[in-house]
Amino acid sequence: MNKLKFLYIVAIATVVFVACKKEDDTKEEPKNNTPTVSAQTYLSDTTWKITALTADGLGDVWNNALLVKTCNKDNSYYFKLSNILTSYDTPNKCSASDPDSTSGPYKLIDSDKKMYLDLTVGTIQIQDTTEIVQLDAKTLKLNFSYSGIPGVITFGH
């Protein structure tokens, strides 16, 4: 009788342990088959226009006619795969003698978190390494410094 009780307890314990088996935590997570888009692809996929330019202590520089002439606000910018940034000064030039376009280098650095930029916006020359605050299919936002004054330049399309 003792053997029967023992076998009965072992059988119940086996059922309890098997039924309460911990689920396997090594299940594969569903894979996201959406390809990732590189920063370079976002940049070179389209033409950009400046939508905002602000500077600490000066506020909204982009809409200040004393700092940025209206004729510069329709300029477009193209980040080429060859790391050349081309600024197109069309259709409204500030002077008929202005070239249709100018080019300068740019380069993504620090795992695409920063960009070396050589760009003229109106009377503002940016020749610096900037921090990329946002870069997606619609917006490029950069922190920069001009004459020691920090600012933010936003591109869109």
Protein backbone atom coordinates (compact mmCIF):
# COMPACT_ATOMS: atom_id res chain seq x y z
CA MET A 1 0.00 0.00 0.00
CA ASN A 2 2.87 2.36 0.77
CA LYS A 3 4.32 1.72 -2.69
CA LEU A 4 0.96 2.59 -4.24
CA LYS A 5 0.76 5.87 -2.27
CA PHE A 6 4.33 6.66 -3.29
CA LEU A 7 3.62 5.98 -7.00
CA TYR A 8 0.41 8.00 -6.75
CA ILE A 9 2.29 11.00 -5.27
CA VAL A 10 5.05 10.71 -7.92
CA ALA A 11 2.40 10.57 -10.69
CA ILE A 12 0.61 13.66 -9.35
CA ALA A 13 3.91 15.53 -8.90
CA THR A 14 4.93 14.65 -12.47
CA VAL A 15 1.60 15.92 -13.84
CA VAL A 16 1.92 19.15 -11.82
CA PHE A 17 5.50 19.79 -12.93
CA VAL A 18 4.80 19.03 -16.58
CA ALA A 19 1.55 21.04 -16.63
CA CYS A 20 3.25 24.02 -14.96
CA LYS A 21 6.26 24.02 -17.26
CA LYS A 22 7.52 27.56 -17.81
CA GLU A 23 6.93 28.88 -21.30
CA ASP A 24 9.94 29.19 -23.53
CA ASP A 25 11.19 32.79 -23.34
CA THR A 26 13.37 32.35 -26.39
CA LYS A 27 10.51 32.76 -28.85
CA GLU A 28 11.48 34.77 -31.88
CA GLU A 29 10.02 38.21 -31.99
CA PRO A 30 8.07 38.96 -35.15
CA LYS A 31 10.46 40.45 -37.66
CA ASN A 32 9.90 43.91 -39.01
CA ASN A 33 10.49 43.48 -42.71
CA THR A 34 10.40 47.22 -43.33
CA PRO A 35 13.79 48.21 -44.69
CA THR A 36 15.60 50.92 -42.75
CA VAL A 37 16.27 54.15 -44.59
CA SER A 38 19.70 55.67 -44.23
CA ALA A 39 20.27 59.32 -43.40
CA GLN A 40 22.03 59.70 -46.74
CA THR A 41 18.92 58.41 -48.54
CA TYR A 42 16.66 60.85 -46.71
CA LEU A 43 18.98 63.72 -47.59
CA SER A 44 19.57 62.93 -51.24
CA ASP A 45 16.08 61.71 -52.08
CA THR A 46 14.62 65.17 -52.70
CA THR A 47 15.18 68.90 -52.86
CA TRP A 48 14.93 70.81 -49.57
CA LYS A 49 13.86 74.36 -48.71
CA ILE A 50 14.51 76.22 -45.48
CA THR A 51 11.28 76.53 -43.51
CA ALA A 52 12.63 78.08 -40.30
CA LEU A 53 15.78 79.66 -38.93
CA THR A 54 16.01 80.72 -35.31
CA ALA A 55 18.89 82.00 -33.21
CA ASP A 56 19.18 82.37 -29.44
CA GLY A 57 18.53 85.96 -28.44
CA LEU A 58 17.35 86.88 -31.94
CA GLY A 59 14.31 84.65 -32.22
CA ASP A 60 12.85 84.08 -35.66
CA VAL A 61 15.63 85.06 -38.04
CA TRP A 62 13.99 83.52 -41.12
CA ASN A 63 11.12 86.03 -41.10
CA ASN A 64 13.32 89.02 -40.27
CA ALA A 65 13.68 90.98 -43.55
CA LEU A 66 16.77 92.77 -42.20
CA LEU A 67 18.64 89.48 -41.82
CA VAL A 68 17.22 87.30 -44.60
CA LYS A 69 16.13 88.90 -47.84
CA THR A 70 12.87 87.69 -49.38
CA CYS A 71 14.74 86.76 -52.57
CA ASN A 72 16.67 84.11 -50.58
CA LYS A 73 13.57 82.42 -49.20
CA ASP A 74 12.72 80.56 -52.40
CA ASN A 75 16.16 78.96 -52.69
CA SER A 76 16.28 75.18 -52.78
CA TYR A 77 19.02 72.83 -51.59
CA TYR A 78 20.05 69.45 -52.91
CA PHE A 79 22.29 67.11 -50.91
CA LYS A 80 24.01 65.00 -53.57
CA LEU A 81 25.26 61.49 -52.91
CA SER A 82 28.75 62.78 -53.74
CA ASN A 83 28.67 64.89 -50.52
CA ILE A 84 28.13 68.13 -52.40
CA LEU A 85 25.40 70.50 -51.26
CA THR A 86 24.05 72.61 -54.10
CA SER A 87 21.99 75.71 -53.43
CA TYR A 88 19.74 76.80 -56.29
CA ASP A 89 19.01 80.53 -56.36
CA THR A 90 15.87 80.42 -58.46
CA PRO A 91 13.38 81.67 -59.43
CA ASN A 92 13.76 85.03 -57.59
CA LYS A 93 17.39 86.12 -57.50
CA CYS A 94 18.52 88.99 -55.33
CA SER A 95 20.66 90.25 -58.22
CA ALA A 96 20.56 89.35 -61.90
CA SER A 97 24.31 88.69 -61.73
CA ASP A 98 23.92 86.04 -58.99
CA PRO A 99 24.73 82.52 -60.19
CA ASP A 100 21.84 80.09 -60.62
CA SER A 101 23.51 77.72 -58.16
CA THR A 102 26.42 77.43 -55.78
CA SER A 103 27.91 74.31 -54.25
CA GLY A 104 29.85 73.39 -51.17
CA PRO A 105 30.76 70.27 -49.26
CA TYR A 106 28.73 68.48 -46.64
CA LYS A 107 29.45 65.23 -44.86
CA LEU A 108 27.54 63.02 -42.45
CA ILE A 109 29.72 62.12 -39.47
CA ASP A 110 29.50 60.56 -36.01
CA SER A 111 27.16 57.73 -37.08
CA ASP A 112 24.95 60.20 -38.97
CA LYS A 113 24.28 62.26 -35.83
CA LYS A 114 26.26 65.24 -37.11
CA MET A 115 26.92 66.94 -40.40
CA TYR A 116 29.76 69.10 -41.58
CA LEU A 117 28.03 71.86 -43.52
CA ASP A 118 29.26 74.67 -45.73
CA LEU A 119 26.18 76.73 -46.55
CA THR A 120 25.24 80.34 -47.16
CA VAL A 121 21.72 81.40 -46.22
CA GLY A 122 21.17 85.03 -47.17
CA THR A 123 23.90 86.88 -45.32
CA ILE A 124 24.61 83.98 -42.95
CA GLN A 125 27.54 81.71 -43.73
CA ILE A 126 27.49 78.37 -41.92
CA GLN A 127 30.79 76.56 -42.12
CA ASP A 128 30.67 74.23 -39.20
CA THR A 129 29.86 70.81 -37.83
CA THR A 130 26.19 70.80 -36.94
CA GLU A 131 24.14 68.43 -34.80
CA ILE A 132 21.31 66.64 -36.61
CA VAL A 133 18.30 67.10 -34.34
CA GLN A 134 15.81 65.50 -36.72
CA LEU A 135 16.07 63.79 -40.08
CA ASP A 136 13.21 61.94 -41.69
CA ALA A 137 11.37 61.90 -45.01
CA LYS A 138 9.88 65.38 -44.43
CA THR A 139 12.20 67.30 -42.07
CA LEU A 140 15.87 68.07 -41.58
CA LYS A 141 16.61 70.07 -38.43
CA LEU A 142 20.14 71.13 -37.49
CA ASN A 143 21.62 72.85 -34.45
CA PHE A 144 24.36 75.26 -35.49
CA SER A 145 26.38 78.16 -34.20
CA TYR A 146 26.91 81.44 -36.06
CA SER A 147 29.40 83.91 -34.58
CA GLY A 148 29.06 82.09 -31.28
CA ILE A 149 25.25 82.33 -31.28
CA PRO A 150 23.48 78.96 -31.26
CA GLY A 151 20.54 78.46 -33.56
CA VAL A 152 18.34 75.95 -35.34
CA ILE A 153 17.83 75.68 -39.08
CA THR A 154 14.91 73.61 -40.35
CA PHE A 155 14.53 72.28 -43.88
CA GLY A 156 11.39 70.77 -45.34
CA HIS A 157 9.78 70.02 -48.67
